[in-house]
PDB file of N, CA and C in Angstrom:
ATOM      1  N   MET A   1      68.678 -85.794  56.949  1.00  0.00           N
ATOM      2  CA  MET A   1      69.237 -85.105  55.736  1.00  0.00           C
ATOM      3  C   MET A   1      69.238 -83.514  56.040  1.00  0.00           C
ATOM      4  N   PRO A   2      70.276 -82.886  55.903  1.00  0.00           N
ATOM      5  CA  PRO A   2      70.297 -81.506  56.110  1.00  0.00           C
ATOM      6  C   PRO A   2      69.260 -80.637  55.343  1.00  0.00           C
ATOM      7  N   SER A   3      68.813 -79.534  55.968  1.00  0.00           N
ATOM      8  CA  SER A   3      67.739 -78.708  55.251  1.00  0.00           C
ATOM      9  C   SER A   3      67.893 -77.365  55.599  1.00  0.00           C
ATOM     10  N   ILE A   4      67.265 -76.491  54.930  1.00  0.00           N
ATOM     11  CA  ILE A   4      67.070 -75.030  55.151  1.00  0.00           C
ATOM     12  C   ILE A   4      65.691 -74.575  54.992  1.00  0.00           C
ATOM     13  N   VAL A   5      65.275 -73.715  55.865  1.00  0.00           N
ATOM     14  CA  VAL A   5      63.973 -73.165  55.848  1.00  0.00           C
ATOM     15  C   VAL A   5      64.111 -71.733  55.295  1.00  0.00           C
ATOM     16  N   TYR A   6      63.442 -71.487  54.137  1.00  0.00           N
ATOM     17  CA  TYR A   6      63.374 -70.185  53.573  1.00  0.00           C
ATOM     18  C   TYR A   6      62.057 -69.820  53.081  1.00  0.00           C
ATOM     19  N   ALA A   7      61.546 -68.634  53.584  1.00  0.00           N
ATOM     20  CA  ALA A   7      60.154 -68.160  53.269  1.00  0.00           C
ATOM     21  C   ALA A   7      59.135 -69.066  53.671  1.00  0.00           C
ATOM     22  N   GLY A   8      59.378 -69.936  54.755  1.00  0.00           N
ATOM     23  CA  GLY A   8      58.399 -70.806  55.283  1.00  0.00           C
ATOM     24  C   GLY A   8      58.426 -72.124  54.583  1.00  0.00           C
ATOM     25  N   VAL A   9      59.315 -72.411  53.713  1.00  0.00           N
ATOM     26  CA  VAL A   9      59.309 -73.677  52.904  1.00  0.00           C
ATOM     27  C   VAL A   9      60.601 -74.366  53.376  1.00  0.00           C
ATOM     28  N   LYS A  10      60.444 -75.606  53.594  1.00  0.00           N
ATOM     29  CA  LYS A  10      61.678 -76.453  53.997  1.00  0.00           C
ATOM     30  C   LYS A  10      62.271 -77.010  52.709  1.00  0.00           C
ATOM     31  N   TYR A  11      63.562 -76.764  52.453  1.00  0.00           N
ATOM     32  CA  TYR A  11      64.380 -77.229  51.351  1.00  0.00           C
ATOM     33  C   TYR A  11      65.356 -78.247  51.863  1.00  0.00           C
ATOM     34  N   THR A  12      65.322 -79.380  51.288  1.00  0.00           N
ATOM     35  CA  THR A  12      66.352 -80.456  51.658  1.00  0.00           C
ATOM     36  C   THR A  12      67.479 -80.450  50.754  1.00  0.00           C
ATOM     37  N   GLN A  13      68.741 -80.836  51.318  1.00  0.00           N
ATOM     38  CA  GLN A  13      69.947 -80.812  50.596  1.00  0.00           C
ATOM     39  C   GLN A  13      69.967 -82.084  49.586  1.00  0.00           C
ATOM     40  N   THR A  14      70.206 -81.797  48.316  1.00  0.00           N
ATOM     41  CA  THR A  14      70.362 -82.857  47.238  1.00  0.00           C
ATOM     42  C   THR A  14      71.659 -82.943  46.766  1.00  0.00           C
ATOM     43  N   ARG A  15      72.628 -81.990  46.975  1.00  0.00           N
ATOM     44  CA  ARG A  15      73.925 -82.147  46.499  1.00  0.00           C
ATOM     45  C   ARG A  15      74.813 -81.456  47.557  1.00  0.00           C
ATOM     46  N   HIS A  16      75.946 -82.192  47.888  1.00  0.00           N
ATOM     47  CA  HIS A  16      76.922 -81.556  48.813  1.00  0.00           C
ATOM     48  C   HIS A  16      78.223 -81.345  48.028  1.00  0.00           C
ATOM     49  N   ALA A  17      78.456 -80.116  47.775  1.00  0.00           N
ATOM     50  CA  ALA A  17      79.621 -79.737  46.830  1.00  0.00           C
ATOM     51  C   ALA A  17      80.132 -78.364  47.214  1.00  0.00           C
ATOM     52  N   ILE A  18      81.392 -78.205  46.937  1.00  0.00           N
ATOM     53  CA  ILE A  18      82.128 -76.886  47.171  1.00  0.00           C
ATOM     54  C   ILE A  18      83.085 -76.676  46.032  1.00  0.00           C
ATOM     55  N   GLN A  19      83.465 -75.422  45.890  1.00  0.00           N
ATOM     56  CA  GLN A  19      84.542 -74.963  44.868  1.00  0.00           C
ATOM     57  C   GLN A  19      85.657 -74.404  45.655  1.00  0.00           C
ATOM     58  N   CYS A  20      86.879 -74.714  45.364  1.00  0.00           N
ATOM     59  CA  CYS A  20      88.088 -74.159  45.899  1.00  0.00           C
ATOM     60  C   CYS A  20      88.376 -72.843  45.191  1.00  0.00           C
ATOM     61  N   LYS A  21      88.565 -71.913  45.934  1.00  0.00           N
ATOM     62  CA  LYS A  21      88.835 -70.603  45.332  1.00  0.00           C
ATOM     63  C   LYS A  21      90.220 -70.325  44.874  1.00  0.00           C
ATOM     64  N   LYS A  22      91.131 -71.345  45.433  1.00  0.00           N
ATOM     65  CA  LYS A  22      92.507 -71.246  45.035  1.00  0.00           C
ATOM     66  C   LYS A  22      92.789 -71.962  43.669  1.00  0.00           C
ATOM     67  N   CYS A  23      92.350 -73.211  43.434  1.00  0.00           N
ATOM     68  CA  CYS A  23      92.424 -73.888  42.271  1.00  0.00           C
ATOM     69  C   CYS A  23      91.247 -73.962  41.332  1.00  0.00           C
ATOM     70  N   LEU A  24      90.126 -73.447  41.790  1.00  0.00           N
ATOM     71  CA  LEU A  24      88.939 -73.424  41.097  1.00  0.00           C
ATOM     72  C   LEU A  24      88.246 -74.874  40.822  1.00  0.00           C
ATOM     73  N   GLU A  25      88.616 -75.848  41.442  1.00  0.00           N
ATOM     74  CA  GLU A  25      88.174 -77.029  41.245  1.00  0.00           C
ATOM     75  C   GLU A  25      86.743 -77.336  42.070  1.00  0.00           C
ATOM     76  N   THR A  26      85.761 -77.837  41.537  1.00  0.00           N
ATOM     77  CA  THR A  26      84.618 -78.208  42.334  1.00  0.00           C
ATOM     78  C   THR A  26      84.613 -79.632  42.710  1.00  0.00           C
ATOM     79  N   ILE A  27      84.497 -79.945  44.056  1.00  0.00           N
ATOM     80  CA  ILE A  27      84.419 -81.461  44.479  1.00  0.00           C
ATOM     81  C   ILE A  27      83.072 -81.707  45.221  1.00  0.00           C
ATOM     82  N   GLU A  28      82.730 -82.902  45.042  1.00  0.00           N
ATOM     83  CA  GLU A  28      81.265 -83.351  45.664  1.00  0.00           C
ATOM     84  C   GLU A  28      81.560 -84.577  46.351  1.00  0.00           C
ATOM     85  N   SER A  29      80.933 -84.577  47.565  1.00  0.00           N
ATOM     86  CA  SER A  29      80.921 -85.815  48.369  1.00  0.00           C
ATOM     87  C   SER A  29      79.398 -86.410  48.155  1.00  0.00           C
ATOM     88  N   LYS A  30      79.372 -87.718  47.717  1.00  0.00           N
ATOM     89  CA  LYS A  30      78.077 -88.326  47.366  1.00  0.00           C
ATOM     90  C   LYS A  30      77.571 -89.213  48.429  1.00  0.00           C
ATOM     91  N   TYR A  31      78.347 -89.575  49.351  1.00  0.00           N
ATOM     92  CA  TYR A  31      77.872 -90.561  50.394  1.00  0.00           C
ATOM     93  C   TYR A  31      78.725 -90.469  51.616  1.00  0.00           C
ATOM     94  N   ILE A  32      78.287 -91.022  52.791  1.00  0.00           N
ATOM     95  CA  ILE A  32      79.029 -91.102  54.049  1.00  0.00           C
ATOM     96  C   ILE A  32      80.380 -91.725  53.725  1.00  0.00           C
ATOM     97  N   HIS A  33      81.469 -91.066  54.307  1.00  0.00           N
ATOM     98  CA  HIS A  33      82.781 -91.584  54.317  1.00  0.00           C
ATOM     99  C   HIS A  33      83.319 -91.422  52.867  1.00  0.00           C
ATOM    100  N   ASP A  34      82.890 -90.463  52.172  1.00  0.00           N
ATOM    101  CA  ASP A  34      83.302 -90.153  50.760  1.00  0.00           C
ATOM    102  C   ASP A  34      84.220 -88.778  50.870  1.00  0.00           C
ATOM    103  N   LEU A  35      85.272 -88.963  51.525  1.00  0.00           N
ATOM    104  CA  LEU A  35      86.198 -87.753  51.789  1.00  0.00           C
ATOM    105  C   LEU A  35      86.906 -87.441  50.565  1.00  0.00           C
ATOM    106  N   LYS A  36      86.821 -86.173  50.010  1.00  0.00           N
ATOM    107  CA  LYS A  36      87.565 -85.719  48.863  1.00  0.00           C
ATOM    108  C   LYS A  36      88.212 -84.365  49.186  1.00  0.00           C
ATOM    109  N   TYR A  37      89.402 -84.230  48.600  1.00  0.00           N
ATOM    110  CA  TYR A  37      90.095 -82.930  48.611  1.00  0.00           C
ATOM    111  C   TYR A  37      90.305 -82.420  47.222  1.00  0.00           C
ATOM    112  N   CYS A  38      90.394 -81.103  47.088  1.00  0.00           N
ATOM    113  CA  CYS A  38      90.632 -80.444  45.759  1.00  0.00           C
ATOM    114  C   CYS A  38      92.088 -80.773  45.476  1.00  0.00           C
ATOM    115  N   THR A  39      92.427 -80.450  44.131  1.00  0.00           N
ATOM    116  CA  THR A  39      93.753 -80.810  43.655  1.00  0.00           C
ATOM    117  C   THR A  39      94.926 -80.079  44.380  1.00  0.00           C
ATOM    118  N   CYS A  40      94.719 -78.886  44.800  1.00  0.00           N
ATOM    119  CA  CYS A  40      95.713 -78.272  45.522  1.00  0.00           C
ATOM    120  C   CYS A  40      95.817 -78.511  47.046  1.00  0.00           C
ATOM    121  N   GLY A  41      94.678 -79.247  47.560  1.00  0.00           N
ATOM    122  CA  GLY A  41      94.709 -79.813  48.933  1.00  0.00           C
ATOM    123  C   GLY A  41      94.107 -78.700  49.942  1.00  0.00           C
ATOM    124  N   ALA A  42      93.704 -77.541  49.465  1.00  0.00           N
ATOM    125  CA  ALA A  42      93.301 -76.378  50.340  1.00  0.00           C
ATOM    126  C   ALA A  42      91.936 -76.711  51.119  1.00  0.00           C
ATOM    127  N   VAL A  43      91.114 -77.433  50.410  1.00  0.00           N
ATOM    128  CA  VAL A  43      89.792 -77.612  50.964  1.00  0.00           C
ATOM    129  C   VAL A  43      89.301 -79.107  50.801  1.00  0.00           C
ATOM    130  N   GLY A  44      88.520 -79.466  51.561  1.00  0.00           N
ATOM    131  CA  GLY A  44      87.977 -80.865  51.459  1.00  0.00           C
ATOM    132  C   GLY A  44      86.458 -80.935  51.821  1.00  0.00           C
ATOM    133  N   ILE A  45      85.819 -82.101  51.465  1.00  0.00           N
ATOM    134  CA  ILE A  45      84.410 -82.266  51.755  1.00  0.00           C
ATOM    135  C   ILE A  45      84.097 -83.819  52.090  1.00  0.00           C
ATOM    136  N   ASP A  46      83.121 -84.032  52.941  1.00  0.00           N
ATOM    137  CA  ASP A  46      82.993 -85.384  53.371  1.00  0.00           C
ATOM    138  C   ASP A  46      81.423 -85.458  53.844  1.00  0.00           C
ATOM    139  N   GLY A  47      80.912 -86.668  53.719  1.00  0.00           N
ATOM    140  CA  GLY A  47      79.590 -86.964  54.356  1.00  0.00           C
ATOM    141  C   GLY A  47      78.393 -87.014  53.413  1.00  0.00           C
ATOM    142  N   GLY A  48      78.455 -86.726  52.149  1.00  0.00           N
ATOM    143  CA  GLY A  48      77.453 -86.709  51.189  1.00  0.00           C
ATOM    144  C   GLY A  48      76.269 -85.862  51.640  1.00  0.00           C
ATOM    145  N   ILE A  49      75.050 -86.247  51.500  1.00  0.00           N
ATOM    146  CA  ILE A  49      73.925 -85.364  51.907  1.00  0.00           C
ATOM    147  C   ILE A  49      73.375 -85.894  53.280  1.00  0.00           C
ATOM    148  N   SER A  50      74.054 -86.574  54.079  1.00  0.00           N
ATOM    149  CA  SER A  50      73.600 -87.071  55.290  1.00  0.00           C
ATOM    150  C   SER A  50      73.873 -86.073  56.450  1.00  0.00           C
ATOM    151  N   ASP A  51      73.207 -86.230  57.546  1.00  0.00           N
ATOM    152  CA  ASP A  51      73.385 -85.289  58.711  1.00  0.00           C
ATOM    153  C   ASP A  51      74.814 -85.442  59.176  1.00  0.00           C
ATOM    154  N   GLY A  52      75.460 -84.395  59.388  1.00  0.00           N
ATOM    155  CA  GLY A  52      76.787 -84.409  59.981  1.00  0.00           C
ATOM    156  C   GLY A  52      77.782 -84.272  58.897  1.00  0.00           C
ATOM    157  N   ASN A  53      77.314 -83.945  57.642  1.00  0.00           N
ATOM    158  CA  ASN A  53      78.354 -83.737  56.555  1.00  0.00           C
ATOM    159  C   ASN A  53      79.247 -82.606  56.922  1.00  0.00           C
ATOM    160  N   ARG A  54      80.457 -82.429  56.326  1.00  0.00           N
ATOM    161  CA  ARG A  54      81.337 -81.501  56.764  1.00  0.00           C
ATOM    162  C   ARG A  54      82.206 -80.907  55.626  1.00  0.00           C
ATOM    163  N   ILE A  55      82.695 -79.705  55.872  1.00  0.00           N
ATOM    164  CA  ILE A  55      83.494 -79.027  54.817  1.00  0.00           C
ATOM    165  C   ILE A  55      84.770 -78.748  55.546  1.00  0.00           C
ATOM    166  N   LEU A  56      85.913 -78.967  55.028  1.00  0.00           N
ATOM    167  CA  LEU A  56      87.180 -78.760  55.562  1.00  0.00           C
ATOM    168  C   LEU A  56      88.133 -77.712  54.800  1.00  0.00           C
ATOM    169  N   GLY A  57      88.750 -76.870  55.625  1.00  0.00           N
ATOM    170  CA  GLY A  57      89.552 -75.820  55.000  1.00  0.00           C
ATOM    171  C   GLY A  57      89.110 -74.426  55.532  1.00  0.00           C
ATOM    172  N   ASN A  58      89.901 -73.483  55.069  1.00  0.00           N
ATOM    173  CA  ASN A  58      89.627 -72.012  55.544  1.00  0.00           C
ATOM    174  C   ASN A  58      88.346 -71.673  54.815  1.00  0.00           C
ATOM    175  N   GLN A  59      87.409 -71.013  55.556  1.00  0.00           N
ATOM    176  CA  GLN A  59      86.251 -70.487  54.836  1.00  0.00           C
ATOM    177  C   GLN A  59      86.517 -69.541  53.679  1.00  0.00           C
ATOM    178  N   SER A  60      87.461 -68.770  53.769  1.00  0.00           N
ATOM    179  CA  SER A  60      87.790 -67.816  52.673  1.00  0.00           C
ATOM    180  C   SER A  60      88.274 -68.533  51.443  1.00  0.00           C
ATOM    181  N   ASP A  61      88.520 -69.814  51.532  1.00  0.00           N
ATOM    182  CA  ASP A  61      88.976 -70.550  50.320  1.00  0.00           C
ATOM    183  C   ASP A  61      87.817 -71.337  49.806  1.00  0.00           C
ATOM    184  N   ILE A  62      86.559 -71.220  50.302  1.00  0.00           N
ATOM    185  CA  ILE A  62      85.470 -72.096  49.869  1.00  0.00           C
ATOM    186  C   ILE A  62      84.317 -71.315  49.365  1.00  0.00           C
ATOM    187  N   GLU A  63      83.847 -71.745  48.190  1.00  0.00           N
ATOM    188  CA  GLU A  63      82.489 -71.386  47.543  1.00  0.00           C
ATOM    189  C   GLU A  63      81.433 -72.520  47.612  1.00  0.00           C
ATOM    190  N   ASP A  64      80.488 -72.312  48.311  1.00  0.00           N
ATOM    191  CA  ASP A  64      79.464 -73.484  48.404  1.00  0.00           C
ATOM    192  C   ASP A  64      78.843 -73.787  47.134  1.00  0.00           C
ATOM    193  N   ARG A  65      78.710 -74.921  46.685  1.00  0.00           N
ATOM    194  CA  ARG A  65      78.039 -75.366  45.549  1.00  0.00           C
ATOM    195  C   ARG A  65      76.909 -76.361  45.817  1.00  0.00           C
ATOM    196  N   SER A  66      76.465 -76.491  47.020  1.00  0.00           N
ATOM    197  CA  SER A  66      75.429 -77.485  47.411  1.00  0.00           C
ATOM    198  C   SER A  66      74.190 -77.072  46.835  1.00  0.00           C
ATOM    199  N   MET A  67      73.300 -78.001  46.606  1.00  0.00           N
ATOM    200  CA  MET A  67      71.916 -77.636  46.153  1.00  0.00           C
ATOM    201  C   MET A  67      70.849 -78.074  46.941  1.00  0.00           C
ATOM    202  N   TYR A  68      69.711 -77.392  47.067  1.00  0.00           N
ATOM    203  CA  TYR A  68      68.565 -77.589  47.863  1.00  0.00           C
ATOM    204  C   TYR A  68      67.298 -77.602  47.166  1.00  0.00           C
ATOM    205  N   CYS A  69      66.441 -78.521  47.432  1.00  0.00           N
ATOM    206  CA  CYS A  69      65.177 -78.628  46.711  1.00  0.00           C
ATOM    207  C   CYS A  69      64.000 -78.863  47.697  1.00  0.00           C
ATOM    208  N   ALA A  70      62.842 -78.274  47.360  1.00  0.00           N
ATOM    209  CA  ALA A  70      61.493 -78.396  48.036  1.00  0.00           C
ATOM    210  C   ALA A  70      60.427 -79.027  47.090  1.00  0.00           C
ATOM    211  N   ILE A  71      59.690 -79.751  47.555  1.00  0.00           N
ATOM    212  CA  ILE A  71      58.561 -80.264  46.705  1.00  0.00           C
ATOM    213  C   ILE A  71      57.320 -79.628  47.303  1.00  0.00           C
ATOM    214  N   VAL A  72      56.698 -78.795  46.520  1.00  0.00           N
ATOM    215  CA  VAL A  72      55.460 -78.081  46.815  1.00  0.00           C
ATOM    216  C   VAL A  72      54.450 -78.547  45.814  1.00  0.00           C
ATOM    217  N   GLY A  73      53.359 -79.200  46.336  1.00  0.00           N
ATOM    218  CA  GLY A  73      52.364 -79.795  45.519  1.00  0.00           C
ATOM    219  C   GLY A  73      53.037 -80.870  44.653  1.00  0.00           C
ATOM    220  N   LYS A  74      53.045 -80.761  43.443  1.00  0.00           N
ATOM    221  CA  LYS A  74      53.708 -81.620  42.581  1.00  0.00           C
ATOM    222  C   LYS A  74      55.019 -81.073  41.874  1.00  0.00           C
ATOM    223  N   LYS A  75      55.403 -79.915  42.271  1.00  0.00           N
ATOM    224  CA  LYS A  75      56.512 -79.162  41.714  1.00  0.00           C
ATOM    225  C   LYS A  75      57.792 -79.108  42.514  1.00  0.00           C
ATOM    226  N   LYS A  76      58.805 -79.296  41.799  1.00  0.00           N
ATOM    227  CA  LYS A  76      60.132 -79.104  42.541  1.00  0.00           C
ATOM    228  C   LYS A  76      60.531 -77.696  42.391  1.00  0.00           C
ATOM    229  N   ILE A  77      60.946 -77.154  43.639  1.00  0.00           N
ATOM    230  CA  ILE A  77      61.503 -75.750  43.641  1.00  0.00           C
ATOM    231  C   ILE A  77      62.910 -75.756  44.151  1.00  0.00           C
ATOM    232  N   TRP A  78      63.809 -75.235  43.272  1.00  0.00           N
ATOM    233  CA  TRP A  78      65.268 -75.167  43.755  1.00  0.00           C
ATOM    234  C   TRP A  78      65.564 -73.915  44.337  1.00  0.00           C
ATOM    235  N   LEU A  79      66.322 -73.989  45.376  1.00  0.00           N
ATOM    236  CA  LEU A  79      66.703 -72.698  46.174  1.00  0.00           C
ATOM    237  C   LEU A  79      68.033 -72.182  45.471  1.00  0.00           C
ATOM    238  N   PRO A  80      67.940 -70.836  45.080  1.00  0.00           N
ATOM    239  CA  PRO A  80      69.218 -70.295  44.451  1.00  0.00           C
ATOM    240  C   PRO A  80      70.349 -70.274  45.380  1.00  0.00           C
ATOM    241  N   HIS A  81      71.606 -70.428  44.934  1.00  0.00           N
ATOM    242  CA  HIS A  81      72.705 -70.454  45.798  1.00  0.00           C
ATOM    243  C   HIS A  81      72.899 -69.268  46.751  1.00  0.00           C
ATOM    244  N   HIS A  82      72.567 -68.100  46.347  1.00  0.00           N
ATOM    245  CA  HIS A  82      72.762 -66.922  47.208  1.00  0.00           C
ATOM    246  C   HIS A  82      71.709 -66.886  48.296  1.00  0.00           C
ATOM    247  N   MET A  83      70.623 -67.672  48.412  1.00  0.00           N
ATOM    248  CA  MET A  83      69.629 -67.742  49.442  1.00  0.00           C
ATOM    249  C   MET A  83      70.130 -68.667  50.576  1.00  0.00           C
ATOM    250  N   GLU A  84      70.969 -69.606  50.215  1.00  0.00           N
ATOM    251  CA  GLU A  84      71.336 -70.607  51.250  1.00  0.00           C
ATOM    252  C   GLU A  84      71.889 -70.051  52.547  1.00  0.00           C
ATOM    253  N   SER A  85      72.632 -68.909  52.446  1.00  0.00           N
ATOM    254  CA  SER A  85      73.328 -68.430  53.619  1.00  0.00           C
ATOM    255  C   SER A  85      72.344 -67.776  54.700  1.00  0.00           C
ATOM    256  N   TYR A  86      71.107 -67.699  54.426  1.00  0.00           N
ATOM    257  CA  TYR A  86      70.127 -66.901  55.268  1.00  0.00           C
ATOM    258  C   TYR A  86      69.754 -67.779  56.622  1.00  0.00           C
ATOM    259  N   GLN A  87      69.297 -68.994  56.349  1.00  0.00           N
ATOM    260  CA  GLN A  87      68.837 -69.684  57.430  1.00  0.00           C
ATOM    261  C   GLN A  87      69.328 -71.139  57.184  1.00  0.00           C
ATOM    262  N   ARG A  88      70.538 -71.330  57.370  1.00  0.00           N
ATOM    263  CA  ARG A  88      71.209 -72.678  57.062  1.00  0.00           C
ATOM    264  C   ARG A  88      70.989 -73.680  58.094  1.00  0.00           C
ATOM    265  N   PHE A  89      70.553 -74.937  57.737  1.00  0.00           N
ATOM    266  CA  PHE A  89      70.414 -76.058  58.691  1.00  0.00           C
ATOM    267  C   PHE A  89      69.495 -75.779  59.805  1.00  0.00           C
ATOM    268  N   VAL A  90      68.342 -75.301  59.556  1.00  0.00           N
ATOM    269  CA  VAL A  90      67.288 -75.039  60.538  1.00  0.00           C
ATOM    270  C   VAL A  90      66.465 -76.280  60.776  1.00  0.00           C
TER     271      VAL A  90
END
């Protein structure tokens, strides 16, 4: 399962989703071989939250909407979207 390490805490991916900047549609892949494209066809997503998931299209047309969570003690800690780009998939 893909993960991110931020401030010494390992966050695992719980949602694999993107938003197309052209048509503003948010699409989500929920499982392996769940290939989806946005309405205008500019971007696509596949693989759910498994290792090897992928995003298709020009990077300038994509806004990442994936979610990451860590469990510390008995509490869930959600990683804000703007933090994801720092240490991706470590």
